[in-house]
Amino acid sequence: MEDAIKRVKIQQNDQENNESSILIPGLPNHLAHLCLSTLHPSLLYGVSKSWRRLIYTSSFPHFYSLYVVCSRSTYNNSTSTDNKQYGARTDEQQNSVEFFFLDPISSKWSPLPNPPSDPPIRVLRHHPSFISRNLSIQSITVSERMVLIAATTHKFLPALERPLGFNPLCNEWFFGPPMPTPRRWCGTSSVNGNVYVASGIGSGYHGDVARSLEKWDVKEKACEWKWEKLAGLKDGRFSREAVDAIGYRGKLCMVNNKGLAVKQGAAYDVTQDEWEEMPEGMLGGWNGPAAATTINDENEMYVVDETKGSLSKYVSETDEWEELIESCDILKGAEQITAGRGRVCVICSGGRKIAVVDVATTPANVIRVLSTPPEMEAIALHILPRISVQD
């Protein structure tokens, strides 16, 4: 009798599994897949389990997600159920960085897989001796991957001997080539699929490091990855702190200070392998965190004035900044921005909020304000393909 009941249950489960794997009744799945792939995933998410599974497979057209590098919030370090839900670290590790992505379809934050533990990642964001200062943690987006380049340990030393990257298309972490000189307080960005690291300091200040520029071609096979030394800066003025560096129309553009402070700028031409003065208008309007993206095959650069809360786009033809949003309270105090897919995403409110601005429409406007994962402060943002699951 028990064996018969078990057989019935197995048959029922098999039937339910078969039904849940059918995309459109009466239509072969490969044809149903072709039909459903033309629809926006948000339309499919709430219809059925089989459709929901489909949009996260590698065979479904990619949509993009927001990835965030976080540190444990200084506002509330208490233990809670949220800590357990989001995989909080132990007390002695809570200064280390943590990584999350926001699914735009379900609007839920999820942690990324744990980074490699060998060597362990020991990155400091806040130091008890410098409560009012955040130590920089620098990451970039290159070839649809997130790559951490530079950070600081609790002994005020460079935290990364080689870049640490995450590839969402295979849901895996990877290491880049060992850096000739591990560093922090550098300028770093990507141009044409290459990672550029300029200036910075190692375990201490060295003039040759502060004037250096190196390139890593991520497009090469991993076994051939290496750093290539390029034309250096004329002086070490960019090694004072983590500086903004933007890849814009074949050039690496850098300024040596943040905010409204008087700045010096420089631009590196990746084709000519030479440094040049930054255009006067670009430098004059660079008054907050900046980012660049490609829209309609054209590179666009944006900056948020952290005092006014305005958003502007650089117009290279006239060497001027075009104001897209005159003033917005949520953008005041902006700390870091990223741009892509017609959006500019801004870290604000002390790292606890993320404002999403639609720059593909006229006028540009804030369409959403997100809260960061519980008890987390956002450090850096990346717009990357969503994580694929096994088909």
Protein backbone atom coordinates (compact mmCIF):
# COMPACT_ATOMS: atom_id res chain seq x y z
CA MET A 1 0.00 0.00 0.00
CA GLU A 2 2.81 2.45 0.91
CA ASP A 3 4.63 1.64 -2.34
CA ALA A 4 1.51 2.44 -4.32
CA ILE A 5 1.11 5.80 -2.56
CA LYS A 6 4.76 6.63 -3.27
CA ARG A 7 4.29 5.79 -6.97
CA VAL A 8 1.23 8.06 -7.14
CA LYS A 9 3.13 10.93 -5.52
CA ILE A 10 6.08 10.47 -7.89
CA GLN A 11 3.74 10.48 -10.87
CA GLN A 12 2.02 13.63 -9.57
CA ASN A 13 5.38 15.38 -9.07
CA ASP A 14 6.56 14.36 -12.54
CA GLN A 15 3.33 15.68 -14.03
CA GLU A 16 3.66 19.00 -12.15
CA ASN A 17 7.29 19.36 -13.25
CA ASN A 18 6.39 18.68 -16.87
CA GLU A 19 3.55 21.20 -16.73
CA SER A 20 5.74 23.85 -15.10
CA SER A 21 8.38 23.42 -17.82
CA ILE A 22 5.89 24.08 -20.63
CA LEU A 23 6.15 27.70 -21.75
CA ILE A 24 3.03 27.93 -23.94
CA PRO A 25 0.59 24.98 -23.99
CA GLY A 26 0.30 23.42 -27.42
CA LEU A 27 3.49 25.03 -28.71
CA PRO A 28 6.98 23.47 -28.69
CA ASN A 29 9.23 25.20 -26.19
CA HIS A 30 11.78 26.33 -28.79
CA LEU A 31 9.04 28.18 -30.70
CA ALA A 32 7.53 29.54 -27.49
CA HIS A 33 10.99 30.79 -26.52
CA LEU A 34 11.25 32.75 -29.78
CA CYS A 35 7.88 34.38 -29.12
CA LEU A 36 8.57 35.26 -25.49
CA SER A 37 12.06 36.61 -26.17
CA THR A 38 10.55 39.58 -27.99
CA LEU A 39 8.75 40.74 -24.83
CA HIS A 40 10.16 42.81 -21.98
CA PRO A 41 11.04 40.52 -19.03
CA SER A 42 8.91 42.61 -16.65
CA LEU A 43 5.83 41.43 -18.60
CA LEU A 44 6.80 37.78 -18.15
CA TYR A 45 7.92 37.78 -14.53
CA GLY A 46 4.53 37.52 -12.83
CA VAL A 47 2.76 35.20 -15.30
CA SER A 48 4.10 31.75 -14.45
CA LYS A 49 7.07 29.97 -12.87
CA SER A 50 8.24 28.66 -16.23
CA TRP A 51 8.27 32.18 -17.72
CA ARG A 52 10.03 33.53 -14.64
CA ARG A 53 12.73 30.87 -14.94
CA LEU A 54 13.11 31.60 -18.65
CA ILE A 55 14.09 35.26 -18.24
CA TYR A 56 17.05 34.33 -16.02
CA THR A 57 18.52 31.70 -18.33
CA SER A 58 21.55 32.45 -20.51
CA SER A 59 19.48 31.86 -23.66
CA PHE A 60 17.08 34.74 -22.88
CA PRO A 61 18.15 38.21 -24.13
CA HIS A 62 20.21 40.00 -21.51
CA PHE A 63 18.75 42.80 -19.45
CA TYR A 64 20.85 44.91 -17.13
CA SER A 65 21.06 45.15 -13.36
CA LEU A 66 22.55 47.60 -10.88
CA TYR A 67 25.54 46.28 -8.95
CA VAL A 68 26.79 48.00 -5.82
CA VAL A 69 29.94 47.84 -3.74
CA CYS A 70 29.00 48.37 -0.08
CA SER A 71 30.47 48.67 3.38
CA ARG A 72 28.79 48.13 6.71
CA SER A 73 26.91 51.27 7.71
CA THR A 74 28.46 53.51 10.36
CA TYR A 75 24.96 54.61 11.41
CA ASN A 76 23.89 51.28 12.79
CA ASN A 77 26.24 48.39 13.47
CA SER A 78 23.76 46.42 15.54
CA THR A 79 23.06 42.81 14.71
CA SER A 80 19.63 42.09 13.25
CA THR A 81 17.74 39.53 11.21
CA ASP A 82 18.55 41.66 8.17
CA ASN A 83 22.25 40.99 8.78
CA LYS A 84 21.63 37.26 8.57
CA GLN A 85 19.39 37.61 5.54
CA TYR A 86 22.00 39.52 3.57
CA GLY A 87 25.00 37.52 4.68
CA ALA A 88 26.59 39.95 7.12
CA ARG A 89 30.19 39.44 8.11
CA THR A 90 31.43 38.97 11.64
CA ASP A 91 32.41 41.97 13.76
CA GLU A 92 36.12 41.66 13.01
CA GLN A 93 35.37 41.64 9.27
CA GLN A 94 32.70 44.30 9.06
CA ASN A 95 35.07 46.88 7.53
CA SER A 96 35.47 44.66 4.49
CA VAL A 97 33.50 45.39 1.33
CA GLU A 98 30.38 43.50 0.37
CA PHE A 99 28.72 43.17 -3.02
CA PHE A 100 25.06 43.17 -4.09
CA PHE A 101 23.00 43.44 -7.23
CA LEU A 102 19.48 44.75 -7.73
CA ASP A 103 17.19 42.70 -9.93
CA PRO A 104 15.23 45.35 -11.89
CA ILE A 105 12.36 42.91 -12.50
CA SER A 106 11.72 41.78 -8.91
CA SER A 107 13.23 44.96 -7.34
CA LYS A 108 15.13 42.83 -4.82
CA TRP A 109 18.73 43.14 -3.61
CA SER A 110 20.74 39.92 -3.57
CA PRO A 111 24.35 39.33 -2.49
CA LEU A 112 26.91 38.26 -5.04
CA PRO A 113 28.79 35.00 -4.47
CA ASN A 114 31.55 35.37 -1.92
CA PRO A 115 34.84 36.62 -3.41
CA PRO A 116 37.84 34.26 -3.33
CA SER A 117 39.15 33.69 0.18
CA ASP A 118 42.73 33.09 -0.96
CA PRO A 119 44.07 35.66 -0.55
CA PRO A 120 41.38 37.04 1.78
CA ILE A 121 40.01 40.47 0.94
CA ARG A 122 40.84 42.90 3.77
CA VAL A 123 39.64 46.35 2.78
CA LEU A 124 39.14 49.27 5.14
CA ARG A 125 36.42 51.88 4.62
CA HIS A 126 36.32 53.57 8.05
CA HIS A 127 39.15 53.89 10.55
CA PRO A 128 38.44 54.67 14.24
CA SER A 129 41.19 57.31 14.21
CA PHE A 130 39.57 59.09 11.24
CA ILE A 131 35.84 58.76 11.90
CA SER A 132 34.86 61.63 9.62
CA ARG A 133 36.80 60.36 6.61
CA ASN A 134 35.98 57.55 4.21
CA LEU A 135 38.94 55.66 2.79
CA SER A 136 38.67 55.19 -0.95
CA ILE A 137 37.73 51.89 -2.58
CA GLN A 138 38.12 52.19 -6.34
CA SER A 139 36.33 50.01 -8.87
CA ILE A 140 35.53 50.35 -12.56
CA THR A 141 33.34 48.78 -15.23
CA VAL A 142 35.18 47.26 -18.18
CA SER A 143 33.99 44.83 -20.87
CA GLU A 144 30.75 44.28 -18.89
CA ARG A 145 32.65 43.23 -15.79
CA MET A 146 33.16 44.86 -12.42
CA VAL A 147 36.80 45.22 -11.36
CA LEU A 148 38.21 46.43 -8.01
CA ILE A 149 41.53 48.17 -8.56
CA ALA A 150 42.65 49.88 -5.38
CA ALA A 151 41.82 50.12 -1.69
CA THR A 152 43.45 50.45 1.74
CA THR A 153 44.13 47.96 4.54
CA HIS A 154 43.89 48.72 8.27
CA LYS A 155 47.66 49.37 8.20
CA PHE A 156 47.16 52.02 5.49
CA LEU A 157 48.77 49.85 2.83
CA PRO A 158 47.47 48.92 -0.65
CA ALA A 159 44.84 46.21 -0.20
CA LEU A 160 45.00 44.60 -3.65
CA GLU A 161 48.12 43.14 -5.20
CA ARG A 162 46.13 42.41 -8.36
CA PRO A 163 42.69 43.50 -9.54
CA LEU A 164 39.68 41.52 -8.35
CA GLY A 165 36.90 41.20 -10.92
CA PHE A 166 33.40 39.77 -11.22
CA ASN A 167 31.91 38.51 -14.49
CA PRO A 168 28.08 38.37 -14.25
CA LEU A 169 27.75 36.39 -17.48
CA CYS A 170 29.38 33.37 -15.83
CA ASN A 171 28.64 34.41 -12.24
CA GLU A 172 32.29 34.09 -11.23
CA TRP A 173 35.06 36.10 -9.60
CA PHE A 174 38.50 36.32 -11.18
CA PHE A 175 41.88 37.92 -10.55
CA GLY A 176 43.65 40.20 -12.99
CA PRO A 177 47.42 40.29 -13.54
CA PRO A 178 49.64 41.23 -10.57
CA MET A 179 50.25 44.97 -10.51
CA PRO A 180 53.90 46.06 -10.83
CA THR A 181 53.25 48.31 -7.82
CA PRO A 182 50.06 47.72 -5.78
CA ARG A 183 48.66 51.12 -4.96
CA ARG A 184 45.88 53.29 -3.61
CA TRP A 185 44.80 56.91 -4.20
CA CYS A 186 45.19 56.51 -7.94
CA GLY A 187 43.20 57.45 -11.01
CA THR A 188 41.60 54.50 -12.78
CA SER A 189 39.10 54.01 -15.60
CA SER A 190 38.49 51.99 -18.75
CA VAL A 191 38.89 53.11 -22.37
CA ASN A 192 38.10 50.84 -25.32
CA GLY A 193 38.08 47.70 -23.19
CA ASN A 194 41.40 48.50 -21.50
CA VAL A 195 41.98 49.26 -17.81
CA TYR A 196 44.18 52.28 -17.10
CA VAL A 197 45.77 53.05 -13.73
CA ALA A 198 47.55 56.36 -13.28
CA SER A 199 49.54 57.78 -10.37
CA GLY A 200 48.79 56.83 -6.76
CA ILE A 201 51.00 55.67 -3.91
CA GLY A 202 52.21 52.24 -2.84
CA SER A 203 53.34 51.42 0.68
CA GLY A 204 54.70 54.97 0.69
CA TYR A 205 55.19 57.84 -1.72
CA HIS A 206 57.49 57.18 -4.65
CA GLY A 207 57.87 59.69 -7.46
CA ASP A 208 58.08 57.08 -10.21
CA VAL A 209 54.79 55.51 -9.07
CA ALA A 210 53.08 58.91 -8.68
CA ARG A 211 53.97 59.74 -12.30
CA SER A 212 53.26 56.30 -13.77
CA LEU A 213 50.54 55.13 -16.18
CA GLU A 214 49.86 51.45 -16.87
CA LYS A 215 47.40 49.55 -19.07
CA TRP A 216 45.80 46.10 -18.84
CA ASP A 217 44.05 44.79 -21.96
CA VAL A 218 41.08 42.82 -20.59
CA LYS A 219 40.17 41.65 -24.12
CA GLU A 220 43.25 39.42 -24.27
CA LYS A 221 43.12 35.80 -23.12
CA ALA A 222 43.45 35.53 -19.36
CA CYS A 223 46.72 33.60 -19.72
CA GLU A 224 48.17 36.60 -21.60
CA TRP A 225 47.02 39.34 -19.22
CA LYS A 226 49.76 41.77 -18.22
CA TRP A 227 50.35 45.43 -17.37
CA GLU A 228 51.97 47.62 -20.01
CA LYS A 229 53.87 50.75 -19.00
CA LEU A 230 52.84 53.88 -20.92
CA ALA A 231 53.83 57.54 -21.09
CA GLY A 232 54.01 58.90 -17.57
CA LEU A 233 52.66 62.11 -16.05
CA LYS A 234 54.99 65.09 -15.76
CA ASP A 235 54.53 65.26 -11.97
CA GLY A 236 52.87 63.48 -9.03
CA ARG A 237 50.01 65.90 -8.33
CA PHE A 238 47.39 63.18 -8.89
CA SER A 239 48.57 61.00 -5.99
CA ARG A 240 47.05 63.09 -3.18
CA GLU A 241 43.83 61.08 -2.90
CA ALA A 242 41.53 58.88 -4.99
CA VAL A 243 40.89 61.09 -8.00
CA ASP A 244 38.15 61.02 -10.61
CA ALA A 245 39.23 59.45 -13.89
CA ILE A 246 36.83 59.07 -16.82
CA GLY A 247 37.25 57.29 -20.14
CA TYR A 248 35.80 59.70 -22.70
CA ARG A 249 36.07 59.55 -26.51
CA GLY A 250 39.40 57.77 -26.63
CA LYS A 251 40.95 59.70 -23.76
CA LEU A 252 41.54 59.17 -20.07
CA CYS A 253 40.44 62.41 -18.36
CA MET A 254 41.49 63.07 -14.75
CA VAL A 255 41.18 65.80 -12.13
CA ASN A 256 43.25 65.89 -8.95
CA ASN A 257 40.58 67.04 -6.48
CA LYS A 258 36.93 66.35 -5.75
CA GLY A 259 34.03 68.75 -5.23
CA LEU A 260 34.34 72.52 -5.72
CA ALA A 261 38.02 72.79 -4.82
CA VAL A 262 40.38 74.36 -7.35
CA LYS A 263 41.50 71.57 -9.66
CA GLN A 264 44.17 70.65 -12.10
CA GLY A 265 43.27 68.36 -14.97
CA ALA A 266 45.00 66.19 -17.52
CA ALA A 267 43.92 64.03 -20.45
CA TYR A 268 45.74 61.03 -21.88
CA ASP A 269 45.25 60.21 -25.58
CA VAL A 270 45.22 56.40 -25.78
CA THR A 271 46.01 56.41 -29.51
CA GLN A 272 48.94 58.84 -29.39
CA ASP A 273 50.26 57.63 -26.00
CA GLU A 274 50.68 61.18 -24.76
CA TRP A 275 49.33 63.51 -22.10
CA GLU A 276 47.72 66.87 -22.87
CA GLU A 277 45.99 69.65 -21.02
CA MET A 278 42.33 69.10 -20.23
CA PRO A 279 39.98 71.47 -22.12
CA GLU A 280 39.30 74.55 -20.00
CA GLY A 281 35.52 74.20 -20.10
CA MET A 282 35.60 70.54 -19.12
CA LEU A 283 37.81 71.29 -16.13
CA GLY A 284 35.80 74.34 -15.04
CA GLY A 285 32.51 72.46 -14.87
CA TRP A 286 33.86 69.29 -13.26
CA ASN A 287 32.41 70.14 -9.85
CA GLY A 288 31.35 66.77 -8.50
CA PRO A 289 31.38 63.03 -9.25
CA ALA A 290 31.48 62.27 -12.97
CA ALA A 291 30.86 59.28 -15.25
CA ALA A 292 30.77 58.49 -18.94
CA THR A 293 28.75 56.08 -21.07
CA THR A 294 27.98 55.32 -24.70
CA ILE A 295 24.62 56.37 -26.14
CA ASN A 296 23.86 55.86 -29.84
CA ASP A 297 27.55 55.10 -30.51
CA GLU A 298 28.58 58.41 -28.92
CA ASN A 299 30.43 58.79 -25.64
CA GLU A 300 28.60 61.06 -23.17
CA MET A 301 30.01 62.47 -19.93
CA TYR A 302 27.89 63.55 -16.95
CA VAL A 303 28.67 65.35 -13.71
CA VAL A 304 26.58 66.01 -10.59
CA ASP A 305 27.22 69.27 -8.74
CA GLU A 306 27.19 67.96 -5.19
CA THR A 307 26.36 71.41 -3.76
CA LYS A 308 23.53 72.48 -6.08
CA GLY A 309 22.24 68.99 -6.84
CA SER A 310 22.34 69.69 -10.57
CA LEU A 311 23.12 67.21 -13.34
CA SER A 312 25.02 68.33 -16.45
CA LYS A 313 26.28 66.76 -19.68
CA TYR A 314 29.52 67.76 -21.35
CA VAL A 315 29.30 69.09 -24.92
CA SER A 316 32.71 68.60 -26.52
CA GLU A 317 31.93 70.66 -29.61
CA THR A 318 31.58 73.85 -27.55
CA ASP A 319 33.64 72.80 -24.50
CA GLU A 320 30.67 73.54 -22.24
CA TRP A 321 28.45 71.72 -19.79
CA GLU A 322 24.73 71.52 -20.62
CA GLU A 323 22.56 71.52 -17.50
CA LEU A 324 19.98 68.72 -17.65
CA ILE A 325 18.59 69.14 -14.11
CA GLU A 326 18.96 72.57 -12.54
CA SER A 327 18.62 71.49 -8.94
CA CYS A 328 17.34 68.44 -7.08
CA ASP A 329 17.50 67.92 -3.33
CA ILE A 330 18.15 64.19 -3.54
CA LEU A 331 21.23 64.80 -5.73
CA LYS A 332 22.82 67.20 -3.25
CA GLY A 333 25.82 65.64 -1.56
CA ALA A 334 26.27 63.13 -4.38
CA GLU A 335 29.25 60.86 -3.68
CA GLN A 336 29.66 58.73 -6.78
CA ILE A 337 27.80 58.14 -10.05
CA THR A 338 27.67 55.65 -12.89
CA ALA A 339 26.02 55.93 -16.28
CA GLY A 340 24.68 53.44 -18.79
CA ARG A 341 21.61 52.24 -20.68
CA GLY A 342 20.09 55.73 -20.69
CA ARG A 343 20.39 56.11 -16.91
CA VAL A 344 22.63 57.98 -14.49
CA CYS A 345 22.66 56.39 -11.02
CA VAL A 346 23.81 58.53 -8.11
CA ILE A 347 24.91 57.55 -4.59
CA CYS A 348 23.52 60.13 -2.17
CA SER A 349 22.22 60.62 1.40
CA GLY A 350 25.47 59.44 2.94
CA GLY A 351 25.53 56.28 0.86
CA ARG A 352 22.10 55.12 2.01
CA LYS A 353 20.14 56.10 -1.12
CA ILE A 354 20.62 55.65 -4.86
CA ALA A 355 18.85 58.05 -7.22
CA VAL A 356 18.13 56.85 -10.75
CA VAL A 357 17.95 59.58 -13.40
CA ASP A 358 16.51 59.00 -16.86
CA VAL A 359 18.79 60.91 -19.26
CA ALA A 360 17.34 59.34 -22.41
CA THR A 361 14.27 61.60 -22.20
CA THR A 362 13.90 65.38 -22.35
CA PRO A 363 13.85 66.80 -19.78
CA ALA A 364 15.93 64.42 -17.70
CA ASN A 365 14.32 63.51 -14.39
CA VAL A 366 14.75 61.37 -11.30
CA ILE A 367 12.52 58.34 -11.88
CA ARG A 368 13.37 56.30 -8.79
CA VAL A 369 15.09 56.52 -5.42
CA LEU A 370 16.36 53.24 -4.02
CA SER A 371 17.40 52.32 -0.51
CA THR A 372 20.64 50.39 -0.25
CA PRO A 373 20.63 46.87 1.25
CA PRO A 374 19.84 47.01 4.99
CA GLU A 375 22.57 48.56 7.13
CA MET A 376 24.83 49.09 4.12
CA GLU A 377 26.47 52.19 2.66
CA ALA A 378 26.98 52.26 -1.10
CA ILE A 379 30.53 53.02 -2.25
CA ALA A 380 30.41 52.42 -6.00
CA LEU A 381 27.82 51.54 -8.65
CA HIS A 382 28.04 49.49 -11.83
CA ILE A 383 25.48 48.81 -14.57
CA LEU A 384 26.11 45.28 -15.85
CA PRO A 385 24.24 42.34 -17.41
CA ARG A 386 22.08 40.41 -15.01
CA ILE A 387 23.47 37.19 -13.58
CA SER A 388 22.68 34.10 -15.66
CA VAL A 389 21.56 30.80 -14.19
CA GLN A 390 22.16 27.35 -15.62
CA ASP A 391 19.65 26.40 -18.34
